[in-house]
Amino acid sequence: GHMDFITCASNLRASNYGIPSADRYRSKQIAGRIVPAIATTTAAVVGLIGMEMVKLARGETEREAYRNAFINLALPLFAVSE
């Protein structure tokens, strides 16, 4: 199945970069942690975009009203700038 492919592909990558390979069970553990992180990041980005879209819908024309955001959930870091 797809986990066999993921395990093989990740072990080929591990071989190329000189990092330890993983068995099927370990690969499934690692992949299982990636999915919630993607969902969390997507939700945060949608929220930030939504805040900017509300400004646009209200007709905000001042450039200074809009913000640029940077998120790093691994640190955790949340930075907003003009």
PDB file of N, CA and C in Angstrom:
ATOM      1  N   GLY A   1       0.803  -1.184   0.000  1.00  0.00           N
ATOM      2  CA  GLY A   1       0.000   0.000   0.000  1.00  0.00           C
ATOM      3  C   GLY A   1       0.857   1.262   0.000  1.00  0.00           C
ATOM      4  N   HIS A   2       0.204   2.358   0.322  1.00  0.00           N
ATOM      5  CA  HIS A   2       0.891   3.653   0.282  1.00  0.00           C
ATOM      6  C   HIS A   2       1.958   3.770   1.370  1.00  0.00           C
ATOM      7  N   MET A   3       1.776   3.092   2.513  1.00  0.00           N
ATOM      8  CA  MET A   3       2.799   3.172   3.573  1.00  0.00           C
ATOM      9  C   MET A   3       4.084   2.469   3.153  1.00  0.00           C
ATOM     10  N   ASP A   4       3.947   1.422   2.338  1.00  0.00           N
ATOM     11  CA  ASP A   4       5.143   0.750   1.824  1.00  0.00           C
ATOM     12  C   ASP A   4       5.932   1.705   0.922  1.00  0.00           C
ATOM     13  N   PHE A   5       5.202   2.445   0.077  1.00  0.00           N
ATOM     14  CA  PHE A   5       5.866   3.420  -0.794  1.00  0.00           C
ATOM     15  C   PHE A   5       6.543   4.514   0.025  1.00  0.00           C
ATOM     16  N   ILE A   6       5.827   5.049   1.030  1.00  0.00           N
ATOM     17  CA  ILE A   6       6.390   6.114   1.866  1.00  0.00           C
ATOM     18  C   ILE A   6       7.636   5.620   2.590  1.00  0.00           C
ATOM     19  N   THR A   7       7.577   4.393   3.110  1.00  0.00           N
ATOM     20  CA  THR A   7       8.733   3.826   3.804  1.00  0.00           C
ATOM     21  C   THR A   7       9.914   3.672   2.859  1.00  0.00           C
ATOM     22  N   CYS A   8       9.670   3.122   1.678  1.00  0.00           N
ATOM     23  CA  CYS A   8      10.756   2.953   0.698  1.00  0.00           C
ATOM     24  C   CYS A   8      11.348   4.289   0.261  1.00  0.00           C
ATOM     25  N   ALA A   9      10.478   5.259  -0.042  1.00  0.00           N
ATOM     26  CA  ALA A   9      10.953   6.569  -0.494  1.00  0.00           C
ATOM     27  C   ALA A   9      11.740   7.274   0.603  1.00  0.00           C
ATOM     28  N   SER A  10      11.258   7.184   1.836  1.00  0.00           N
ATOM     29  CA  SER A  10      11.981   7.856   2.927  1.00  0.00           C
ATOM     30  C   SER A  10      13.308   7.172   3.213  1.00  0.00           C
ATOM     31  N   ASN A  11      13.374   5.861   3.055  1.00  0.00           N
ATOM     32  CA  ASN A  11      14.639   5.161   3.264  1.00  0.00           C
ATOM     33  C   ASN A  11      15.641   5.445   2.147  1.00  0.00           C
ATOM     34  N   LEU A  12      15.162   5.624   0.922  1.00  0.00           N
ATOM     35  CA  LEU A  12      16.058   6.044  -0.159  1.00  0.00           C
ATOM     36  C   LEU A  12      16.624   7.434   0.124  1.00  0.00           C
ATOM     37  N   ARG A  13      15.769   8.327   0.589  1.00  0.00           N
ATOM     38  CA  ARG A  13      16.212   9.682   0.944  1.00  0.00           C
ATOM     39  C   ARG A  13      17.213   9.621   2.100  1.00  0.00           C
ATOM     40  N   ALA A  14      16.924   8.783   3.088  1.00  0.00           N
ATOM     41  CA  ALA A  14      17.829   8.636   4.227  1.00  0.00           C
ATOM     42  C   ALA A  14      19.192   8.139   3.763  1.00  0.00           C
ATOM     43  N   SER A  15      19.192   7.208   2.835  1.00  0.00           N
ATOM     44  CA  SER A  15      20.455   6.689   2.296  1.00  0.00           C
ATOM     45  C   SER A  15      21.233   7.776   1.571  1.00  0.00           C
ATOM     46  N   ASN A  16      20.530   8.606   0.809  1.00  0.00           N
ATOM     47  CA  ASN A  16      21.197   9.694   0.072  1.00  0.00           C
ATOM     48  C   ASN A  16      21.825  10.724   0.999  1.00  0.00           C
ATOM     49  N   TYR A  17      21.163  11.007   2.120  1.00  0.00           N
ATOM     50  CA  TYR A  17      21.626  12.066   3.019  1.00  0.00           C
ATOM     51  C   TYR A  17      22.361  11.545   4.247  1.00  0.00           C
ATOM     52  N   GLY A  18      22.585  10.245   4.313  1.00  0.00           N
ATOM     53  CA  GLY A  18      23.351   9.681   5.409  1.00  0.00           C
ATOM     54  C   GLY A  18      22.662   9.772   6.767  1.00  0.00           C
ATOM     55  N   ILE A  19      21.333   9.681   6.778  1.00  0.00           N
ATOM     56  CA  ILE A  19      20.599   9.689   8.042  1.00  0.00           C
ATOM     57  C   ILE A  19      20.021   8.289   8.261  1.00  0.00           C
ATOM     58  N   PRO A  20      19.686   7.941   9.504  1.00  0.00           N
ATOM     59  CA  PRO A  20      19.202   6.580   9.775  1.00  0.00           C
ATOM     60  C   PRO A  20      17.888   6.271   9.051  1.00  0.00           C
ATOM     61  N   SER A  21      17.782   5.046   8.536  1.00  0.00           N
ATOM     62  CA  SER A  21      16.545   4.630   7.889  1.00  0.00           C
ATOM     63  C   SER A  21      15.521   4.246   8.959  1.00  0.00           C
ATOM     64  N   ALA A  22      14.267   4.059   8.542  1.00  0.00           N
ATOM     65  CA  ALA A  22      13.189   3.741   9.472  1.00  0.00           C
ATOM     66  C   ALA A  22      12.383   2.562   8.928  1.00  0.00           C
ATOM     67  N   ASP A  23      11.893   1.746   9.834  1.00  0.00           N
ATOM     68  CA  ASP A  23      11.022   0.647   9.402  1.00  0.00           C
ATOM     69  C   ASP A  23       9.612   1.172   9.131  1.00  0.00           C
ATOM     70  N   ARG A  24       8.725   0.284   8.697  1.00  0.00           N
ATOM     71  CA  ARG A  24       7.366   0.682   8.318  1.00  0.00           C
ATOM     72  C   ARG A  24       6.613   1.313   9.495  1.00  0.00           C
ATOM     73  N   TYR A  25       6.756   0.738  10.684  1.00  0.00           N
ATOM     74  CA  TYR A  25       6.056   1.251  11.862  1.00  0.00           C
ATOM     75  C   TYR A  25       6.544   2.664  12.226  1.00  0.00           C
ATOM     76  N   ARG A  26       7.843   2.864  12.208  1.00  0.00           N
ATOM     77  CA  ARG A  26       8.409   4.187  12.529  1.00  0.00           C
ATOM     78  C   ARG A  26       7.991   5.216  11.486  1.00  0.00           C
ATOM     79  N   SER A  27       7.965   4.822  10.217  1.00  0.00           N
ATOM     80  CA  SER A  27       7.530   5.734   9.152  1.00  0.00           C
ATOM     81  C   SER A  27       6.079   6.144   9.361  1.00  0.00           C
ATOM     82  N   LYS A  28       5.239   5.188   9.803  1.00  0.00           N
ATOM     83  CA  LYS A  28       3.830   5.496  10.057  1.00  0.00           C
ATOM     84  C   LYS A  28       3.691   6.467  11.225  1.00  0.00           C
ATOM     85  N   GLN A  29       4.528   6.325  12.254  1.00  0.00           N
ATOM     86  CA  GLN A  29       4.517   7.264  13.382  1.00  0.00           C
ATOM     87  C   GLN A  29       4.876   8.670  12.920  1.00  0.00           C
ATOM     88  N   ILE A  30       5.917   8.779  12.145  1.00  0.00           N
ATOM     89  CA  ILE A  30       6.376  10.087  11.667  1.00  0.00           C
ATOM     90  C   ILE A  30       5.305  10.736  10.780  1.00  0.00           C
ATOM     91  N   ALA A  31       4.757   9.973   9.844  1.00  0.00           N
ATOM     92  CA  ALA A  31       3.724  10.507   8.943  1.00  0.00           C
ATOM     93  C   ALA A  31       2.476  10.914   9.723  1.00  0.00           C
ATOM     94  N   GLY A  32       2.160  10.204  10.787  1.00  0.00           N
ATOM     95  CA  GLY A  32       0.987  10.524  11.593  1.00  0.00           C
ATOM     96  C   GLY A  32       1.079  11.852  12.303  1.00  0.00           C
ATOM     97  N   ARG A  33       2.304  12.311  12.549  1.00  0.00           N
ATOM     98  CA  ARG A  33       2.481  13.610  13.190  1.00  0.00           C
ATOM     99  C   ARG A  33       2.465  14.760  12.196  1.00  0.00           C
ATOM    100  N   ILE A  34       2.676  14.482  10.939  1.00  0.00           N
ATOM    101  CA  ILE A  34       2.716  15.530   9.917  1.00  0.00           C
ATOM    102  C   ILE A  34       1.306  16.040   9.611  1.00  0.00           C
ATOM    103  N   VAL A  35       0.325  15.161   9.515  1.00  0.00           N
ATOM    104  CA  VAL A  35      -1.038  15.542   9.133  1.00  0.00           C
ATOM    105  C   VAL A  35      -1.645  16.578  10.083  1.00  0.00           C
ATOM    106  N   PRO A  36      -1.585  16.394  11.432  1.00  0.00           N
ATOM    107  CA  PRO A  36      -2.130  17.434  12.314  1.00  0.00           C
ATOM    108  C   PRO A  36      -1.389  18.770  12.184  1.00  0.00           C
ATOM    109  N   ALA A  37      -0.097  18.733  11.924  1.00  0.00           N
ATOM    110  CA  ALA A  37       0.666  19.973  11.757  1.00  0.00           C
ATOM    111  C   ALA A  37       0.212  20.726  10.514  1.00  0.00           C
ATOM    112  N   ILE A  38      -0.076  20.005   9.448  1.00  0.00           N
ATOM    113  CA  ILE A  38      -0.549  20.647   8.220  1.00  0.00           C
ATOM    114  C   ILE A  38      -1.917  21.282   8.459  1.00  0.00           C
ATOM    115  N   ALA A  39      -2.806  20.571   9.161  1.00  0.00           N
ATOM    116  CA  ALA A  39      -4.143  21.113   9.439  1.00  0.00           C
ATOM    117  C   ALA A  39      -4.061  22.361  10.315  1.00  0.00           C
ATOM    118  N   THR A  40      -3.192  22.351  11.304  1.00  0.00           N
ATOM    119  CA  THR A  40      -3.022  23.510  12.195  1.00  0.00           C
ATOM    120  C   THR A  40      -2.495  24.705  11.421  1.00  0.00           C
ATOM    121  N   THR A  41      -1.495  24.487  10.596  1.00  0.00           N
ATOM    122  CA  THR A  41      -0.917  25.571   9.804  1.00  0.00           C
ATOM    123  C   THR A  41      -1.942  26.134   8.834  1.00  0.00           C
ATOM    124  N   THR A  42      -2.695  25.265   8.183  1.00  0.00           N
ATOM    125  CA  THR A  42      -3.717  25.714   7.237  1.00  0.00           C
ATOM    126  C   THR A  42      -4.764  26.570   7.939  1.00  0.00           C
ATOM    127  N   ALA A  43      -5.205  26.151   9.110  1.00  0.00           N
ATOM    128  CA  ALA A  43      -6.204  26.925   9.859  1.00  0.00           C
ATOM    129  C   ALA A  43      -5.666  28.299  10.237  1.00  0.00           C
ATOM    130  N   ALA A  44      -4.414  28.368  10.654  1.00  0.00           N
ATOM    131  CA  ALA A  44      -3.819  29.655  11.022  1.00  0.00           C
ATOM    132  C   ALA A  44      -3.720  30.581   9.813  1.00  0.00           C
ATOM    133  N   VAL A  45      -3.297  30.052   8.685  1.00  0.00           N
ATOM    134  CA  VAL A  45      -3.159  30.866   7.471  1.00  0.00           C
ATOM    135  C   VAL A  45      -4.521  31.355   6.995  1.00  0.00           C
ATOM    136  N   VAL A  46      -5.535  30.507   7.029  1.00  0.00           N
ATOM    137  CA  VAL A  46      -6.882  30.906   6.621  1.00  0.00           C
ATOM    138  C   VAL A  46      -7.398  32.025   7.529  1.00  0.00           C
ATOM    139  N   GLY A  47      -7.135  31.932   8.822  1.00  0.00           N
ATOM    140  CA  GLY A  47      -7.543  32.990   9.745  1.00  0.00           C
ATOM    141  C   GLY A  47      -6.882  34.318   9.433  1.00  0.00           C
ATOM    142  N   LEU A  48      -5.585  34.287   9.162  1.00  0.00           N
ATOM    143  CA  LEU A  48      -4.860  35.520   8.833  1.00  0.00           C
ATOM    144  C   LEU A  48      -5.358  36.125   7.518  1.00  0.00           C
ATOM    145  N   ILE A  49      -5.582  35.283   6.535  1.00  0.00           N
ATOM    146  CA  ILE A  49      -6.096  35.775   5.250  1.00  0.00           C
ATOM    147  C   ILE A  49      -7.495  36.353   5.441  1.00  0.00           C
ATOM    148  N   GLY A  50      -8.302  35.701   6.264  1.00  0.00           N
ATOM    149  CA  GLY A  50      -9.653  36.188   6.532  1.00  0.00           C
ATOM    150  C   GLY A  50      -9.654  37.579   7.130  1.00  0.00           C
ATOM    151  N   MET A  51      -8.730  37.839   8.056  1.00  0.00           N
ATOM    152  CA  MET A  51      -8.642  39.181   8.661  1.00  0.00           C
ATOM    153  C   MET A  51      -8.313  40.231   7.604  1.00  0.00           C
ATOM    154  N   GLU A  52      -7.438  39.896   6.680  1.00  0.00           N
ATOM    155  CA  GLU A  52      -7.076  40.851   5.630  1.00  0.00           C
ATOM    156  C   GLU A  52      -8.215  41.018   4.629  1.00  0.00           C
ATOM    157  N   MET A  53      -8.962  39.943   4.367  1.00  0.00           N
ATOM    158  CA  MET A  53     -10.096  40.022   3.442  1.00  0.00           C
ATOM    159  C   MET A  53     -11.212  40.908   4.001  1.00  0.00           C
ATOM    160  N   VAL A  54     -11.404  40.893   5.321  1.00  0.00           N
ATOM    161  CA  VAL A  54     -12.410  41.772   5.936  1.00  0.00           C
ATOM    162  C   VAL A  54     -12.034  43.228   5.680  1.00  0.00           C
ATOM    163  N   LYS A  55     -10.776  43.557   5.803  1.00  0.00           N
ATOM    164  CA  LYS A  55     -10.315  44.927   5.529  1.00  0.00           C
ATOM    165  C   LYS A  55     -10.603  45.295   4.072  1.00  0.00           C
ATOM    166  N   LEU A  56     -10.328  44.356   3.176  1.00  0.00           N
ATOM    167  CA  LEU A  56     -10.565  44.595   1.756  1.00  0.00           C
ATOM    168  C   LEU A  56     -12.058  44.778   1.481  1.00  0.00           C
ATOM    169  N   ALA A  57     -12.903  43.953   2.090  1.00  0.00           N
ATOM    170  CA  ALA A  57     -14.352  44.046   1.893  1.00  0.00           C
ATOM    171  C   ALA A  57     -14.923  45.347   2.452  1.00  0.00           C
ATOM    172  N   ARG A  58     -14.319  45.863   3.502  1.00  0.00           N
ATOM    173  CA  ARG A  58     -14.772  47.141   4.076  1.00  0.00           C
ATOM    174  C   ARG A  58     -14.327  48.332   3.242  1.00  0.00           C
ATOM    175  N   GLY A  59     -13.490  48.078   2.236  1.00  0.00           N
ATOM    176  CA  GLY A  59     -13.042  49.152   1.362  1.00  0.00           C
ATOM    177  C   GLY A  59     -11.817  49.898   1.873  1.00  0.00           C
ATOM    178  N   GLU A  60     -11.047  49.263   2.710  1.00  0.00           N
ATOM    179  CA  GLU A  60      -9.833  49.904   3.256  1.00  0.00           C
ATOM    180  C   GLU A  60      -8.857  50.199   2.121  1.00  0.00           C
ATOM    181  N   THR A  61      -8.484  51.455   1.982  1.00  0.00           N
ATOM    182  CA  THR A  61      -7.574  51.850   0.902  1.00  0.00           C
ATOM    183  C   THR A  61      -6.188  52.211   1.400  1.00  0.00           C
ATOM    184  N   GLU A  62      -6.049  52.426   2.712  1.00  0.00           N
ATOM    185  CA  GLU A  62      -4.733  52.762   3.263  1.00  0.00           C
ATOM    186  C   GLU A  62      -3.838  51.532   3.254  1.00  0.00           C
ATOM    187  N   ARG A  63      -2.713  51.647   2.618  1.00  0.00           N
ATOM    188  CA  ARG A  63      -1.777  50.522   2.534  1.00  0.00           C
ATOM    189  C   ARG A  63      -1.277  50.097   3.913  1.00  0.00           C
ATOM    190  N   GLU A  64      -1.161  51.019   4.822  1.00  0.00           N
ATOM    191  CA  GLU A  64      -0.647  50.741   6.159  1.00  0.00           C
ATOM    192  C   GLU A  64      -1.596  49.876   6.990  1.00  0.00           C
ATOM    193  N   ALA A  65      -2.853  49.768   6.572  1.00  0.00           N
ATOM    194  CA  ALA A  65      -3.829  48.962   7.310  1.00  0.00           C
ATOM    195  C   ALA A  65      -3.597  47.468   7.125  1.00  0.00           C
ATOM    196  N   TYR A  66      -2.960  47.093   6.034  1.00  0.00           N
ATOM    197  CA  TYR A  66      -2.732  45.682   5.724  1.00  0.00           C
ATOM    198  C   TYR A  66      -1.436  45.203   6.367  1.00  0.00           C
ATOM    199  N   ARG A  67      -1.407  43.915   6.712  1.00  0.00           N
ATOM    200  CA  ARG A  67      -0.262  43.345   7.429  1.00  0.00           C
ATOM    201  C   ARG A  67       0.300  42.129   6.703  1.00  0.00           C
ATOM    202  N   ASN A  68       1.573  41.873   6.955  1.00  0.00           N
ATOM    203  CA  ASN A  68       2.247  40.673   6.498  1.00  0.00           C
ATOM    204  C   ASN A  68       2.519  39.822   7.734  1.00  0.00           C
ATOM    205  N   ALA A  69       2.187  38.542   7.692  1.00  0.00           N
ATOM    206  CA  ALA A  69       2.373  37.681   8.864  1.00  0.00           C
ATOM    207  C   ALA A  69       3.312  36.534   8.534  1.00  0.00           C
ATOM    208  N   PHE A  70       4.086  36.126   9.528  1.00  0.00           N
ATOM    209  CA  PHE A  70       4.992  34.991   9.416  1.00  0.00           C
ATOM    210  C   PHE A  70       4.727  34.068  10.592  1.00  0.00           C
ATOM    211  N   ILE A  71       4.495  32.796  10.309  1.00  0.00           N
ATOM    212  CA  ILE A  71       4.211  31.814  11.357  1.00  0.00           C
ATOM    213  C   ILE A  71       5.224  30.678  11.272  1.00  0.00           C
ATOM    214  N   ASN A  72       5.804  30.314  12.402  1.00  0.00           N
ATOM    215  CA  ASN A  72       6.625  29.116  12.502  1.00  0.00           C
ATOM    216  C   ASN A  72       6.160  28.358  13.738  1.00  0.00           C
ATOM    217  N   LEU A  73       5.380  27.300  13.523  1.00  0.00           N
ATOM    218  CA  LEU A  73       4.799  26.562  14.632  1.00  0.00           C
ATOM    219  C   LEU A  73       5.817  25.708  15.373  1.00  0.00           C
ATOM    220  N   ALA A  74       6.988  25.508  14.805  1.00  0.00           N
ATOM    221  CA  ALA A  74       8.011  24.692  15.459  1.00  0.00           C
ATOM    222  C   ALA A  74       8.679  25.460  16.595  1.00  0.00           C
ATOM    223  N   LEU A  75       8.685  26.775  16.552  1.00  0.00           N
ATOM    224  CA  LEU A  75       9.425  27.549  17.564  1.00  0.00           C
ATOM    225  C   LEU A  75       8.671  27.799  18.869  1.00  0.00           C
ATOM    226  N   PRO A  76       7.506  28.198  19.016  1.00  0.00           N
ATOM    227  CA  PRO A  76       6.513  28.807  18.133  1.00  0.00           C
ATOM    228  C   PRO A  76       6.772  30.308  17.954  1.00  0.00           C
ATOM    229  N   LEU A  77       6.583  30.761  16.742  1.00  0.00           N
ATOM    230  CA  LEU A  77       6.824  32.164  16.388  1.00  0.00           C
ATOM    231  C   LEU A  77       5.651  32.679  15.564  1.00  0.00           C
ATOM    232  N   PHE A  78       5.159  33.829  15.932  1.00  0.00           N
ATOM    233  CA  PHE A  78       4.065  34.474  15.212  1.00  0.00           C
ATOM    234  C   PHE A  78       4.440  35.949  15.106  1.00  0.00           C
ATOM    235  N   ALA A  79       4.816  36.395  13.896  1.00  0.00           N
ATOM    236  CA  ALA A  79       5.258  37.781  13.707  1.00  0.00           C
ATOM    237  C   ALA A  79       4.385  38.462  12.678  1.00  0.00           C
ATOM    238  N   VAL A  80       3.957  39.687  12.988  1.00  0.00           N
ATOM    239  CA  VAL A  80       3.140  40.471  12.085  1.00  0.00           C
ATOM    240  C   VAL A  80       3.846  41.796  11.838  1.00  0.00           C
ATOM    241  N   SER A  81       3.913  42.207  10.579  1.00  0.00           N
ATOM    242  CA  SER A  81       4.567  43.465  10.245  1.00  0.00           C
ATOM    243  C   SER A  81       3.718  44.238   9.249  1.00  0.00           C
ATOM    244  N   GLU A  82       4.053  45.520   9.078  1.00  0.00           N
ATOM    245  CA  GLU A  82       3.334  46.354   8.114  1.00  0.00           C
ATOM    246  C   GLU A  82       3.905  46.159   6.731  1.00  0.00           C
TER     247      GLU A  82
END
